[in-house]
Amino acid sequence: MVTLTERAAAKVRALAQSRGGARPVLRVKVGAGGCSGMSYQFDVEEDVRPDDLVSETSGVRAAVDPRSDFFIGGSVVDYEESLMKSGFKVTNPLAKSSCSCGASFNV
């Protein structure tokens, strides 16, 4: 299961509100690609799927499918914003290495 920090939950809530969504879900997936072999993918959605693993922070749900959870289970998703970069940042305890930008990893 993946959890969100308060900052990540606030950003997901703001993104969902700008789209007219009432109860936001941040879907976190793992895809092939990136410097290190696997990459994090994020989508803001309205619903969870029956087989999702779900956590909730301040009314915002984080959903992960079982296949992705194998690679990112136990991760924490934060949101960082600076002059150089803005976006979701994943702290993945299963990652053996990651690229310098933090967008891809391997296990």
PDB file of N, CA and C in Angstrom:
ATOM      1  N   MET A   1       0.834  -1.171   0.000  1.00  0.00           N
ATOM      2  CA  MET A   1       0.000   0.000   0.000  1.00  0.00           C
ATOM      3  C   MET A   1       0.887   1.246   0.000  1.00  0.00           C
ATOM      4  N   VAL A   2       0.415   2.297  -0.604  1.00  0.00           N
ATOM      5  CA  VAL A   2       1.119   3.571  -0.686  1.00  0.00           C
ATOM      6  C   VAL A   2       0.371   4.588   0.152  1.00  0.00           C
ATOM      7  N   THR A   3       1.099   5.426   0.873  1.00  0.00           N
ATOM      8  CA  THR A   3       0.458   6.483   1.653  1.00  0.00           C
ATOM      9  C   THR A   3       0.883   7.856   1.125  1.00  0.00           C
ATOM     10  N   LEU A   4       0.072   8.860   1.432  1.00  0.00           N
ATOM     11  CA  LEU A   4       0.333  10.228   1.011  1.00  0.00           C
ATOM     12  C   LEU A   4       0.702  11.078   2.210  1.00  0.00           C
ATOM     13  N   THR A   5       1.565  12.063   1.990  1.00  0.00           N
ATOM     14  CA  THR A   5       1.807  13.067   3.017  1.00  0.00           C
ATOM     15  C   THR A   5       0.674  14.091   2.939  1.00  0.00           C
ATOM     16  N   GLU A   6       0.595  14.955   3.921  1.00  0.00           N
ATOM     17  CA  GLU A   6      -0.411  16.019   3.917  1.00  0.00           C
ATOM     18  C   GLU A   6      -0.235  16.934   2.698  1.00  0.00           C
ATOM     19  N   ARG A   7       1.026  17.240   2.333  1.00  0.00           N
ATOM     20  CA  ARG A   7       1.279  18.106   1.156  1.00  0.00           C
ATOM     21  C   ARG A   7       0.786  17.452  -0.126  1.00  0.00           C
ATOM     22  N   ALA A   8       1.035  16.150  -0.267  1.00  0.00           N
ATOM     23  CA  ALA A   8       0.569  15.437  -1.455  1.00  0.00           C
ATOM     24  C   ALA A   8      -0.955  15.410  -1.494  1.00  0.00           C
ATOM     25  N   ALA A   9      -1.587  15.155  -0.355  1.00  0.00           N
ATOM     26  CA  ALA A   9      -3.050  15.127  -0.299  1.00  0.00           C
ATOM     27  C   ALA A   9      -3.628  16.488  -0.676  1.00  0.00           C
ATOM     28  N   ALA A  10      -3.028  17.565  -0.192  1.00  0.00           N
ATOM     29  CA  ALA A  10      -3.514  18.911  -0.522  1.00  0.00           C
ATOM     30  C   ALA A  10      -3.395  19.187  -2.015  1.00  0.00           C
ATOM     31  N   LYS A  11      -2.310  18.748  -2.635  1.00  0.00           N
ATOM     32  CA  LYS A  11      -2.132  18.964  -4.075  1.00  0.00           C
ATOM     33  C   LYS A  11      -3.142  18.156  -4.882  1.00  0.00           C
ATOM     34  N   VAL A  12      -3.373  16.913  -4.502  1.00  0.00           N
ATOM     35  CA  VAL A  12      -4.352  16.078  -5.201  1.00  0.00           C
ATOM     36  C   VAL A  12      -5.744  16.697  -5.064  1.00  0.00           C
ATOM     37  N   ARG A  13      -6.066  17.179  -3.866  1.00  0.00           N
ATOM     38  CA  ARG A  13      -7.361  17.817  -3.640  1.00  0.00           C
ATOM     39  C   ARG A  13      -7.518  19.044  -4.541  1.00  0.00           C
ATOM     40  N   ALA A  14      -6.476  19.856  -4.639  1.00  0.00           N
ATOM     41  CA  ALA A  14      -6.525  21.055  -5.489  1.00  0.00           C
ATOM     42  C   ALA A  14      -6.679  20.677  -6.966  1.00  0.00           C
ATOM     43  N   LEU A  15      -5.961  19.665  -7.419  1.00  0.00           N
ATOM     44  CA  LEU A  15      -6.087  19.213  -8.807  1.00  0.00           C
ATOM     45  C   LEU A  15      -7.495  18.698  -9.093  1.00  0.00           C
ATOM     46  N   ALA A  16      -8.042  17.934  -8.167  1.00  0.00           N
ATOM     47  CA  ALA A  16      -9.390  17.387  -8.352  1.00  0.00           C
ATOM     48  C   ALA A  16     -10.437  18.492  -8.359  1.00  0.00           C
ATOM     49  N   GLN A  17     -10.292  19.471  -7.477  1.00  0.00           N
ATOM     50  CA  GLN A  17     -11.246  20.575  -7.421  1.00  0.00           C
ATOM     51  C   GLN A  17     -11.218  21.399  -8.695  1.00  0.00           C
ATOM     52  N   SER A  18     -10.037  21.556  -9.293  1.00  0.00           N
ATOM     53  CA  SER A  18      -9.953  22.318 -10.537  1.00  0.00           C
ATOM     54  C   SER A  18     -10.654  21.595 -11.681  1.00  0.00           C
ATOM     55  N   ARG A  19     -10.852  20.288 -11.527  1.00  0.00           N
ATOM     56  CA  ARG A  19     -11.557  19.484 -12.534  1.00  0.00           C
ATOM     57  C   ARG A  19     -13.006  19.207 -12.128  1.00  0.00           C
ATOM     58  N   GLY A  20     -13.409  19.722 -10.980  1.00  0.00           N
ATOM     59  CA  GLY A  20     -14.777  19.511 -10.522  1.00  0.00           C
ATOM     60  C   GLY A  20     -14.998  18.228  -9.763  1.00  0.00           C
ATOM     61  N   GLY A  21     -13.937  17.570  -9.345  1.00  0.00           N
ATOM     62  CA  GLY A  21     -14.047  16.297  -8.622  1.00  0.00           C
ATOM     63  C   GLY A  21     -14.361  16.508  -7.160  1.00  0.00           C
ATOM     64  N   ALA A  22     -15.107  15.585  -6.588  1.00  0.00           N
ATOM     65  CA  ALA A  22     -15.521  15.721  -5.197  1.00  0.00           C
ATOM     66  C   ALA A  22     -14.651  14.918  -4.234  1.00  0.00           C
ATOM     67  N   ARG A  23     -14.372  13.659  -4.557  1.00  0.00           N
ATOM     68  CA  ARG A  23     -13.596  12.799  -3.661  1.00  0.00           C
ATOM     69  C   ARG A  23     -12.423  12.217  -4.439  1.00  0.00           C
ATOM     70  N   PRO A  24     -11.300  12.897  -4.415  1.00  0.00           N
ATOM     71  CA  PRO A  24     -10.184  12.538  -5.291  1.00  0.00           C
ATOM     72  C   PRO A  24      -9.439  11.267  -4.896  1.00  0.00           C
ATOM     73  N   VAL A  25      -8.880  10.644  -5.936  1.00  0.00           N
ATOM     74  CA  VAL A  25      -8.033   9.465  -5.790  1.00  0.00           C
ATOM     75  C   VAL A  25      -6.752   9.734  -6.573  1.00  0.00           C
ATOM     76  N   LEU A  26      -5.604   9.556  -5.939  1.00  0.00           N
ATOM     77  CA  LEU A  26      -4.337   9.593  -6.666  1.00  0.00           C
ATOM     78  C   LEU A  26      -3.976   8.151  -6.978  1.00  0.00           C
ATOM     79  N   ARG A  27      -4.006   7.808  -8.265  1.00  0.00           N
ATOM     80  CA  ARG A  27      -3.601   6.472  -8.692  1.00  0.00           C
ATOM     81  C   ARG A  27      -2.100   6.499  -8.940  1.00  0.00           C
ATOM     82  N   VAL A  28      -1.389   5.604  -8.281  1.00  0.00           N
ATOM     83  CA  VAL A  28       0.059   5.483  -8.442  1.00  0.00           C
ATOM     84  C   VAL A  28       0.313   4.138  -9.114  1.00  0.00           C
ATOM     85  N   LYS A  29       1.001   4.184 -10.253  1.00  0.00           N
ATOM     86  CA  LYS A  29       1.288   2.967 -11.013  1.00  0.00           C
ATOM     87  C   LYS A  29       2.785   2.886 -11.304  1.00  0.00           C
ATOM     88  N   VAL A  30       3.201   1.704 -11.679  1.00  0.00           N
ATOM     89  CA  VAL A  30       4.568   1.467 -12.112  1.00  0.00           C
ATOM     90  C   VAL A  30       4.515   1.069 -13.577  1.00  0.00           C
ATOM     91  N   GLY A  31       5.348   1.723 -14.385  1.00  0.00           N
ATOM     92  CA  GLY A  31       5.441   1.382 -15.797  1.00  0.00           C
ATOM     93  C   GLY A  31       6.887   1.121 -16.178  1.00  0.00           C
ATOM     94  N   ALA A  32       7.079   0.525 -17.323  1.00  0.00           N
ATOM     95  CA  ALA A  32       8.429   0.299 -17.829  1.00  0.00           C
ATOM     96  C   ALA A  32       8.972   1.612 -18.370  1.00  0.00           C
ATOM     97  N   GLY A  33      10.272   1.815 -18.177  1.00  0.00           N
ATOM     98  CA  GLY A  33      10.909   2.993 -18.756  1.00  0.00           C
ATOM     99  C   GLY A  33      11.706   3.792 -17.748  1.00  0.00           C
ATOM    100  N   GLY A  34      12.316   4.845 -18.238  1.00  0.00           N
ATOM    101  CA  GLY A  34      13.158   5.681 -17.397  1.00  0.00           C
ATOM    102  C   GLY A  34      14.589   5.173 -17.361  1.00  0.00           C
ATOM    103  N   CYS A  35      15.441   5.951 -16.782  1.00  0.00           N
ATOM    104  CA  CYS A  35      16.873   5.634 -16.708  1.00  0.00           C
ATOM    105  C   CYS A  35      17.152   4.336 -15.953  1.00  0.00           C
ATOM    106  N   SER A  36      16.334   4.053 -14.939  1.00  0.00           N
ATOM    107  CA  SER A  36      16.607   2.913 -14.077  1.00  0.00           C
ATOM    108  C   SER A  36      15.740   1.694 -14.358  1.00  0.00           C
ATOM    109  N   GLY A  37      14.871   1.760 -15.359  1.00  0.00           N
ATOM    110  CA  GLY A  37      14.101   0.585 -15.753  1.00  0.00           C
ATOM    111  C   GLY A  37      12.615   0.645 -15.483  1.00  0.00           C
ATOM    112  N   MET A  38      12.197   1.230 -14.363  1.00  0.00           N
ATOM    113  CA  MET A  38      10.780   1.356 -14.037  1.00  0.00           C
ATOM    114  C   MET A  38      10.493   2.805 -13.683  1.00  0.00           C
ATOM    115  N   SER A  39       9.286   3.263 -13.988  1.00  0.00           N
ATOM    116  CA  SER A  39       8.951   4.657 -13.698  1.00  0.00           C
ATOM    117  C   SER A  39       7.639   4.749 -12.936  1.00  0.00           C
ATOM    118  N   TYR A  40       7.517   5.811 -12.154  1.00  0.00           N
ATOM    119  CA  TYR A  40       6.295   6.097 -11.422  1.00  0.00           C
ATOM    120  C   TYR A  40       5.340   6.834 -12.351  1.00  0.00           C
ATOM    121  N   GLN A  41       4.062   6.487 -12.266  1.00  0.00           N
ATOM    122  CA  GLN A  41       3.032   7.166 -13.049  1.00  0.00           C
ATOM    123  C   GLN A  41       1.916   7.577 -12.100  1.00  0.00           C
ATOM    124  N   PHE A  42       1.393   8.789 -12.300  1.00  0.00           N
ATOM    125  CA  PHE A  42       0.360   9.329 -11.421  1.00  0.00           C
ATOM    126  C   PHE A  42      -0.832   9.795 -12.243  1.00  0.00           C
ATOM    127  N   ASP A  43      -2.042   9.512 -11.745  1.00  0.00           N
ATOM    128  CA  ASP A  43      -3.277  10.006 -12.339  1.00  0.00           C
ATOM    129  C   ASP A  43      -4.221  10.400 -11.218  1.00  0.00           C
ATOM    130  N   VAL A  44      -4.931  11.506 -11.392  1.00  0.00           N
ATOM    131  CA  VAL A  44      -5.977  11.884 -10.446  1.00  0.00           C
ATOM    132  C   VAL A  44      -7.289  11.377 -11.028  1.00  0.00           C
ATOM    133  N   GLU A  45      -7.977  10.552 -10.252  1.00  0.00           N
ATOM    134  CA  GLU A  45      -9.212   9.913 -10.695  1.00  0.00           C
ATOM    135  C   GLU A  45     -10.313  10.136  -9.665  1.00  0.00           C
ATOM    136  N   GLU A  46     -11.486   9.632  -9.976  1.00  0.00           N
ATOM    137  CA  GLU A  46     -12.642   9.756  -9.080  1.00  0.00           C
ATOM    138  C   GLU A  46     -12.938   8.487  -8.298  1.00  0.00           C
ATOM    139  N   ASP A  47     -12.624   7.333  -8.867  1.00  0.00           N
ATOM    140  CA  ASP A  47     -13.035   6.071  -8.251  1.00  0.00           C
ATOM    141  C   ASP A  47     -11.859   5.118  -8.074  1.00  0.00           C
ATOM    142  N   VAL A  48     -12.021   4.226  -7.105  1.00  0.00           N
ATOM    143  CA  VAL A  48     -11.068   3.137  -6.941  1.00  0.00           C
ATOM    144  C   VAL A  48     -11.645   1.902  -7.634  1.00  0.00           C
ATOM    145  N   ARG A  49     -10.784   0.973  -7.950  1.00  0.00           N
ATOM    146  CA  ARG A  49     -11.189  -0.277  -8.599  1.00  0.00           C
ATOM    147  C   ARG A  49     -11.298  -1.370  -7.539  1.00  0.00           C
ATOM    148  N   PRO A  50     -12.067  -2.409  -7.818  1.00  0.00           N
ATOM    149  CA  PRO A  50     -12.290  -3.447  -6.803  1.00  0.00           C
ATOM    150  C   PRO A  50     -11.019  -4.089  -6.243  1.00  0.00           C
ATOM    151  N   ASP A  51      -9.974  -4.244  -7.053  1.00  0.00           N
ATOM    152  CA  ASP A  51      -8.766  -4.921  -6.566  1.00  0.00           C
ATOM    153  C   ASP A  51      -7.685  -3.961  -6.063  1.00  0.00           C
ATOM    154  N   ASP A  52      -7.977  -2.653  -6.020  1.00  0.00           N
ATOM    155  CA  ASP A  52      -7.006  -1.663  -5.555  1.00  0.00           C
ATOM    156  C   ASP A  52      -6.682  -1.822  -4.078  1.00  0.00           C
ATOM    157  N   LEU A  53      -5.453  -1.487  -3.732  1.00  0.00           N
ATOM    158  CA  LEU A  53      -5.052  -1.318  -2.342  1.00  0.00           C
ATOM    159  C   LEU A  53      -5.148   0.181  -2.086  1.00  0.00           C
ATOM    160  N   VAL A  54      -5.892   0.574  -1.060  1.00  0.00           N
ATOM    161  CA  VAL A  54      -6.242   1.977  -0.871  1.00  0.00           C
ATOM    162  C   VAL A  54      -5.862   2.440   0.526  1.00  0.00           C
ATOM    163  N   SER A  55      -5.286   3.647   0.597  1.00  0.00           N
ATOM    164  CA  SER A  55      -5.070   4.322   1.873  1.00  0.00           C
ATOM    165  C   SER A  55      -5.706   5.704   1.756  1.00  0.00           C
ATOM    166  N   GLU A  56      -5.918   6.353   2.879  1.00  0.00           N
ATOM    167  CA  GLU A  56      -6.554   7.672   2.853  1.00  0.00           C
ATOM    168  C   GLU A  56      -5.823   8.628   3.786  1.00  0.00           C
ATOM    169  N   THR A  57      -5.598   9.844   3.292  1.00  0.00           N
ATOM    170  CA  THR A  57      -4.982  10.913   4.067  1.00  0.00           C
ATOM    171  C   THR A  57      -5.820  12.159   3.888  1.00  0.00           C
ATOM    172  N   SER A  58      -6.393  12.670   4.955  1.00  0.00           N
ATOM    173  CA  SER A  58      -7.173  13.913   4.920  1.00  0.00           C
ATOM    174  C   SER A  58      -8.239  13.904   3.825  1.00  0.00           C
ATOM    175  N   GLY A  59      -8.930  12.788   3.670  1.00  0.00           N
ATOM    176  CA  GLY A  59     -10.005  12.693   2.697  1.00  0.00           C
ATOM    177  C   GLY A  59      -9.574  12.410   1.272  1.00  0.00           C
ATOM    178  N   VAL A  60      -8.284  12.243   1.045  1.00  0.00           N
ATOM    179  CA  VAL A  60      -7.767  11.933  -0.293  1.00  0.00           C
ATOM    180  C   VAL A  60      -7.261  10.497  -0.281  1.00  0.00           C
ATOM    181  N   ARG A  61      -7.723   9.725  -1.253  1.00  0.00           N
ATOM    182  CA  ARG A  61      -7.328   8.323  -1.312  1.00  0.00           C
ATOM    183  C   ARG A  61      -6.151   8.131  -2.272  1.00  0.00           C
ATOM    184  N   ALA A  62      -5.279   7.209  -1.917  1.00  0.00           N
ATOM    185  CA  ALA A  62      -4.197   6.762  -2.794  1.00  0.00           C
ATOM    186  C   ALA A  62      -4.534   5.330  -3.177  1.00  0.00           C
ATOM    187  N   ALA A  63      -4.537   5.037  -4.480  1.00  0.00           N
ATOM    188  CA  ALA A  63      -4.893   3.706  -4.961  1.00  0.00           C
ATOM    189  C   ALA A  63      -3.747   3.119  -5.773  1.00  0.00           C
ATOM    190  N   VAL A  64      -3.481   1.837  -5.529  1.00  0.00           N
ATOM    191  CA  VAL A  64      -2.424   1.119  -6.224  1.00  0.00           C
ATOM    192  C   VAL A  64      -2.961  -0.251  -6.613  1.00  0.00           C
ATOM    193  N   ASP A  65      -2.734  -0.651  -7.858  1.00  0.00           N
ATOM    194  CA  ASP A  65      -3.138  -1.995  -8.278  1.00  0.00           C
ATOM    195  C   ASP A  65      -2.147  -3.005  -7.696  1.00  0.00           C
ATOM    196  N   PRO A  66      -2.558  -4.265  -7.550  1.00  0.00           N
ATOM    197  CA  PRO A  66      -1.689  -5.274  -6.925  1.00  0.00           C
ATOM    198  C   PRO A  66      -0.338  -5.456  -7.620  1.00  0.00           C
ATOM    199  N   ARG A  67      -0.280  -5.370  -8.950  1.00  0.00           N
ATOM    200  CA  ARG A  67       0.983  -5.529  -9.663  1.00  0.00           C
ATOM    201  C   ARG A  67       1.958  -4.411  -9.290  1.00  0.00           C
ATOM    202  N   SER A  68       1.470  -3.180  -9.277  1.00  0.00           N
ATOM    203  CA  SER A  68       2.326  -2.047  -8.913  1.00  0.00           C
ATOM    204  C   SER A  68       2.734  -2.109  -7.457  1.00  0.00           C
ATOM    205  N   ASP A  69       1.821  -2.585  -6.588  1.00  0.00           N
ATOM    206  CA  ASP A  69       2.132  -2.666  -5.165  1.00  0.00           C
ATOM    207  C   ASP A  69       3.318  -3.583  -4.901  1.00  0.00           C
ATOM    208  N   PHE A  70       3.505  -4.580  -5.737  1.00  0.00           N
ATOM    209  CA  PHE A  70       4.654  -5.478  -5.608  1.00  0.00           C
ATOM    210  C   PHE A  70       5.963  -4.697  -5.652  1.00  0.00           C
ATOM    211  N   PHE A  71       6.007  -3.610  -6.450  1.00  0.00           N
ATOM    212  CA  PHE A  71       7.217  -2.814  -6.637  1.00  0.00           C
ATOM    213  C   PHE A  71       7.281  -1.568  -5.750  1.00  0.00           C
ATOM    214  N   ILE A  72       6.119  -1.081  -5.274  1.00  0.00           N
ATOM    215  CA  ILE A  72       6.122   0.181  -4.525  1.00  0.00           C
ATOM    216  C   ILE A  72       5.382   0.104  -3.196  1.00  0.00           C
ATOM    217  N   GLY A  73       5.009  -1.093  -2.765  1.00  0.00           N
ATOM    218  CA  GLY A  73       4.322  -1.237  -1.484  1.00  0.00           C
ATOM    219  C   GLY A  73       5.147  -0.652  -0.352  1.00  0.00           C
ATOM    220  N   GLY A  74       4.507   0.096   0.519  1.00  0.00           N
ATOM    221  CA  GLY A  74       5.203   0.733   1.642  1.00  0.00           C
ATOM    222  C   GLY A  74       5.768   2.097   1.316  1.00  0.00           C
ATOM    223  N   SER A  75       5.572   2.559   0.084  1.00  0.00           N
ATOM    224  CA  SER A  75       6.098   3.864  -0.329  1.00  0.00           C
ATOM    225  C   SER A  75       5.274   5.009   0.233  1.00  0.00           C
ATOM    226  N   VAL A  76       5.916   6.162   0.330  1.00  0.00           N
ATOM    227  CA  VAL A  76       5.264   7.397   0.751  1.00  0.00           C
ATOM    228  C   VAL A  76       5.386   8.389  -0.400  1.00  0.00           C
ATOM    229  N   VAL A  77       4.248   8.992  -0.775  1.00  0.00           N
ATOM    230  CA  VAL A  77       4.235   9.979  -1.854  1.00  0.00           C
ATOM    231  C   VAL A  77       4.101  11.368  -1.229  1.00  0.00           C
ATOM    232  N   ASP A  78       5.027  12.243  -1.565  1.00  0.00           N
ATOM    233  CA  ASP A  78       5.026  13.628  -1.106  1.00  0.00           C
ATOM    234  C   ASP A  78       4.883  14.525  -2.331  1.00  0.00           C
ATOM    235  N   TYR A  79       4.638  15.798  -2.104  1.00  0.00           N
ATOM    236  CA  TYR A  79       4.623  16.759  -3.202  1.00  0.00           C
ATOM    237  C   TYR A  79       5.637  17.838  -2.860  1.00  0.00           C
ATOM    238  N   GLU A  80       6.533  18.108  -3.815  1.00  0.00           N
ATOM    239  CA  GLU A  80       7.527  19.159  -3.589  1.00  0.00           C
ATOM    240  C   GLU A  80       7.395  20.202  -4.680  1.00  0.00           C
ATOM    241  N   GLU A  81       7.638  21.437  -4.277  1.00  0.00           N
ATOM    242  CA  GLU A  81       7.551  22.543  -5.218  1.00  0.00           C
ATOM    243  C   GLU A  81       8.715  23.485  -4.943  1.00  0.00           C
ATOM    244  N   SER A  82       9.523  23.708  -5.981  1.00  0.00           N
ATOM    245  CA  SER A  82      10.671  24.603  -5.855  1.00  0.00           C
ATOM    246  C   SER A  82      10.832  25.366  -7.163  1.00  0.00           C
ATOM    247  N   LEU A  83      11.827  26.218  -7.216  1.00  0.00           N
ATOM    248  CA  LEU A  83      12.088  26.954  -8.451  1.00  0.00           C
ATOM    249  C   LEU A  83      12.539  26.034  -9.579  1.00  0.00           C
ATOM    250  N   MET A  84      13.180  24.942  -9.233  1.00  0.00           N
ATOM    251  CA  MET A  84      13.723  24.030 -10.234  1.00  0.00           C
ATOM    252  C   MET A  84      12.774  22.906 -10.641  1.00  0.00           C
ATOM    253  N   LYS A  85      11.890  22.508  -9.733  1.00  0.00           N
ATOM    254  CA  LYS A  85      11.089  21.310 -10.005  1.00  0.00           C
ATOM    255  C   LYS A  85       9.839  21.288  -9.132  1.00  0.00           C
ATOM    256  N   SER A  86       8.758  20.846  -9.711  1.00  0.00           N
ATOM    257  CA  SER A  86       7.525  20.628  -8.956  1.00  0.00           C
ATOM    258  C   SER A  86       6.967  19.266  -9.339  1.00  0.00           C
ATOM    259  N   GLY A  87       6.468  18.546  -8.361  1.00  0.00           N
ATOM    260  CA  GLY A  87       5.860  17.261  -8.675  1.00  0.00           C
ATOM    261  C   GLY A  87       5.825  16.332  -7.483  1.00  0.00           C
ATOM    262  N   PHE A  88       5.217  15.180  -7.718  1.00  0.00           N
ATOM    263  CA  PHE A  88       5.139  14.161  -6.685  1.00  0.00           C
ATOM    264  C   PHE A  88       6.484  13.455  -6.568  1.00  0.00           C
ATOM    265  N   LYS A  89       6.877  13.189  -5.339  1.00  0.00           N
ATOM    266  CA  LYS A  89       8.143  12.515  -5.053  1.00  0.00           C
ATOM    267  C   LYS A  89       7.825  11.260  -4.250  1.00  0.00           C
ATOM    268  N   VAL A  90       8.374  10.139  -4.680  1.00  0.00           N
ATOM    269  CA  VAL A  90       8.114   8.856  -4.032  1.00  0.00           C
ATOM    270  C   VAL A  90       9.337   8.425  -3.226  1.00  0.00           C
ATOM    271  N   THR A  91       9.109   8.091  -1.982  1.00  0.00           N
ATOM    272  CA  THR A  91      10.128   7.455  -1.159  1.00  0.00           C
ATOM    273  C   THR A  91       9.758   5.985  -1.108  1.00  0.00           C
ATOM    274  N   ASN A  92      10.536   5.187  -1.835  1.00  0.00           N
ATOM    275  CA  ASN A  92      10.226   3.775  -2.036  1.00  0.00           C
ATOM    276  C   ASN A  92      11.240   2.913  -1.283  1.00  0.00           C
ATOM    277  N   PRO A  93      10.812   2.242  -0.202  1.00  0.00           N
ATOM    278  CA  PRO A  93      11.754   1.410   0.554  1.00  0.00           C
ATOM    279  C   PRO A  93      12.215   0.164  -0.208  1.00  0.00           C
ATOM    280  N   LEU A  94      11.538  -0.192  -1.289  1.00  0.00           N
ATOM    281  CA  LEU A  94      11.908  -1.377  -2.061  1.00  0.00           C
ATOM    282  C   LEU A  94      12.918  -1.072  -3.168  1.00  0.00           C
ATOM    283  N   ALA A  95      13.116   0.207  -3.482  1.00  0.00           N
ATOM    284  CA  ALA A  95      14.005   0.582  -4.582  1.00  0.00           C
ATOM    285  C   ALA A  95      15.463   0.344  -4.188  1.00  0.00           C
ATOM    286  N   LYS A  96      16.176  -0.358  -5.047  1.00  0.00           N
ATOM    287  CA  LYS A  96      17.613  -0.582  -4.822  1.00  0.00           C
ATOM    288  C   LYS A  96      18.425   0.605  -5.341  1.00  0.00           C
ATOM    289  N   SER A  97      17.913   1.249  -6.401  1.00  0.00           N
ATOM    290  CA  SER A  97      18.546   2.456  -6.922  1.00  0.00           C
ATOM    291  C   SER A  97      17.510   3.254  -7.690  1.00  0.00           C
ATOM    292  N   SER A  98      17.814   4.522  -7.915  1.00  0.00           N
ATOM    293  CA  SER A  98      16.920   5.379  -8.693  1.00  0.00           C
ATOM    294  C   SER A  98      17.767   6.374  -9.473  1.00  0.00           C
ATOM    295  N   CYS A  99      17.144   6.980 -10.482  1.00  0.00           N
ATOM    296  CA  CYS A  99      17.874   7.971 -11.275  1.00  0.00           C
ATOM    297  C   CYS A  99      17.989   9.265 -10.472  1.00  0.00           C
ATOM    298  N   SER A 100      18.819  10.163 -10.918  1.00  0.00           N
ATOM    299  CA  SER A 100      19.062  11.394 -10.166  1.00  0.00           C
ATOM    300  C   SER A 100      17.833  12.278 -10.059  1.00  0.00           C
ATOM    301  N   CYS A 101      16.926  12.215 -11.026  1.00  0.00           N
ATOM    302  CA  CYS A 101      15.726  13.047 -10.944  1.00  0.00           C
ATOM    303  C   CYS A 101      14.638  12.404 -10.101  1.00  0.00           C
ATOM    304  N   GLY A 102      14.776  11.123  -9.759  1.00  0.00           N
ATOM    305  CA  GLY A 102      13.807  10.446  -8.904  1.00  0.00           C
ATOM    306  C   GLY A 102      12.583   9.931  -9.615  1.00  0.00           C
ATOM    307  N   ALA A 103      12.550  10.027 -10.949  1.00  0.00           N
ATOM    308  CA  ALA A 103      11.369   9.589 -11.705  1.00  0.00           C
ATOM    309  C   ALA A 103      11.373   8.109 -12.026  1.00  0.00           C
ATOM    310  N   SER A 104      12.530   7.464 -11.951  1.00  0.00           N
ATOM    311  CA  SER A 104      12.584   6.032 -12.233  1.00  0.00           C
ATOM    312  C   SER A 104      13.436   5.320 -11.187  1.00  0.00           C
ATOM    313  N   PHE A 105      13.260   3.996 -11.134  1.00  0.00           N
ATOM    314  CA  PHE A 105      13.918   3.207 -10.086  1.00  0.00           C
ATOM    315  C   PHE A 105      14.033   1.766 -10.557  1.00  0.00           C
ATOM    316  N   ASN A 106      14.749   0.960  -9.787  1.00  0.00           N
ATOM    317  CA  ASN A 106      14.747  -0.482  -9.991  1.00  0.00           C
ATOM    318  C   ASN A 106      14.736  -1.183  -8.651  1.00  0.00           C
ATOM    319  N   VAL A 107      14.260  -2.416  -8.666  1.00  0.00           N
ATOM    320  CA  VAL A 107      14.169  -3.197  -7.419  1.00  0.00           C
ATOM    321  C   VAL A 107      14.970  -4.477  -7.559  1.00  0.00           C
TER     322      VAL A 107
END
